Amino acid sequence: MPANSLSFRLCADVRYRQIADEGIVLRQQAGEVLVLNEVGTRVVALLDEGLAPPGIVARLAAEFDADPGRLAIDVAGFVAELRAAGVIEEEACS
C-alpha cells in the first residue's frame, strides 16, 4: 500500500509541544528530542489529529498558499523521516 494512502499516529512514547514558531518532539523511551520548524510542527499536529498525508497536503496548501505538488513530495519525505525516527507508526486498520 502506498505511504500516501496510509494513516499514522504518534507512537505511544512521543510527546510534542509548540513553542513560538517551533515544535519540540520528545521520544521518552529513547530520550531523544527533535526540534521542528513551523511547517514540521504543523505536520505533526495534523498527523495527531488523524489526517492522512493527502489531507495534510490539502490543509498545508491552503494555510501556506503553497504548491500542492511540491508539498506532496515534501510531506511524503517528512513522514518517512518521522517513521524512521520512531515518532509515528501506521494506524492499525479495524
Protein backbone atom coordinates (compact mmCIF):
# COMPACT_ATOMS: atom_id res chain seq x y z
CA MET A 1 0.00 0.00 0.00
CA PRO A 2 1.46 3.42 -0.92
CA ALA A 3 2.53 5.59 2.02
CA ASN A 4 0.25 8.35 0.73
CA SER A 5 -2.87 6.30 1.46
CA LEU A 6 -1.80 5.20 4.95
CA SER A 7 -2.93 6.77 8.21
CA PHE A 8 -0.47 7.32 11.01
CA ARG A 9 -0.49 8.02 14.72
CA LEU A 10 2.13 9.23 17.17
CA CYS A 11 3.97 6.41 18.90
CA ALA A 12 2.87 5.89 22.50
CA ASP A 13 6.09 7.31 23.96
CA VAL A 14 6.03 10.52 21.90
CA ARG A 15 5.04 13.91 23.27
CA TYR A 16 5.14 17.21 21.43
CA ARG A 17 4.59 20.88 22.16
CA GLN A 18 4.62 24.01 20.07
CA ILE A 19 6.72 26.84 21.46
CA ALA A 20 6.50 30.05 19.44
CA ASP A 21 7.15 29.05 15.80
CA GLU A 22 8.95 25.79 16.62
CA GLY A 23 7.90 22.41 17.86
CA ILE A 24 9.59 20.09 20.31
CA VAL A 25 9.09 16.33 19.90
CA LEU A 26 10.21 14.09 22.74
CA ARG A 27 10.66 10.35 22.35
CA GLN A 28 10.52 9.44 26.01
CA GLN A 29 11.84 5.86 25.87
CA ALA A 30 14.77 6.80 23.64
CA GLY A 31 15.48 10.06 25.45
CA GLU A 32 15.59 11.88 22.11
CA VAL A 33 14.40 15.38 21.35
CA LEU A 34 13.64 16.73 17.88
CA VAL A 35 13.19 20.43 17.17
CA LEU A 36 10.86 21.19 14.27
CA ASN A 37 10.21 24.31 12.26
CA GLU A 38 6.71 25.78 11.90
CA VAL A 39 5.71 23.54 8.98
CA GLY A 40 7.13 20.37 10.58
CA THR A 41 5.24 21.17 13.75
CA ARG A 42 2.03 21.64 11.76
CA VAL A 43 2.53 18.26 10.02
CA VAL A 44 2.93 16.51 13.38
CA ALA A 45 -0.17 18.25 14.74
CA LEU A 46 -2.20 17.21 11.69
CA LEU A 47 -0.98 13.63 11.97
CA ASP A 48 -2.02 13.70 15.63
CA GLU A 49 -5.48 14.87 14.50
CA GLY A 50 -5.73 11.72 12.36
CA LEU A 51 -5.19 13.24 8.92
CA ALA A 52 -3.53 11.05 6.28
CA PRO A 53 -0.83 12.60 4.06
CA PRO A 54 -3.25 13.71 1.28
CA GLY A 55 -5.34 15.59 3.84
CA ILE A 56 -2.22 17.16 5.31
CA VAL A 57 -1.12 18.33 1.86
CA ALA A 58 -4.52 19.89 1.19
CA ARG A 59 -4.56 21.66 4.56
CA LEU A 60 -0.98 22.96 4.21
CA ALA A 61 -1.61 24.13 0.65
CA ALA A 62 -4.50 26.26 1.91
CA GLU A 63 -2.76 27.50 5.06
CA PHE A 64 0.59 28.37 3.46
CA ASP A 65 -0.56 29.14 -0.12
CA ALA A 66 1.95 26.56 -1.37
CA ASP A 67 2.11 24.31 -4.44
CA PRO A 68 0.31 21.02 -3.65
CA GLY A 69 2.63 19.00 -5.90
CA ARG A 70 5.74 20.21 -4.07
CA LEU A 71 4.02 19.78 -0.72
CA ALA A 72 3.08 16.17 -1.53
CA ILE A 73 6.75 15.35 -2.14
CA ASP A 74 7.90 17.19 0.98
CA VAL A 75 5.21 15.71 3.24
CA ALA A 76 5.93 12.17 1.99
CA GLY A 77 9.63 12.65 2.72
CA PHE A 78 8.98 14.11 6.17
CA VAL A 79 6.54 11.33 7.06
CA ALA A 80 9.21 8.79 6.07
CA GLU A 81 11.72 10.59 8.32
CA LEU A 82 9.26 10.58 11.23
CA ARG A 83 8.63 6.86 10.76
CA ALA A 84 12.36 6.11 10.64
CA ALA A 85 12.91 8.18 13.80
CA GLY A 86 10.20 6.25 15.67
CA VAL A 87 7.94 9.27 16.07
CA ILE A 88 4.94 7.89 14.15
CA GLU A 89 3.63 4.47 13.22
CA GLU A 90 0.99 3.14 10.86
CA GLU A 91 -2.51 3.35 12.24
CA ALA A 92 -3.98 -0.12 12.73
CA CYS A 93 -6.90 -0.90 10.44
CA SER A 94 -10.08 -2.07 12.12
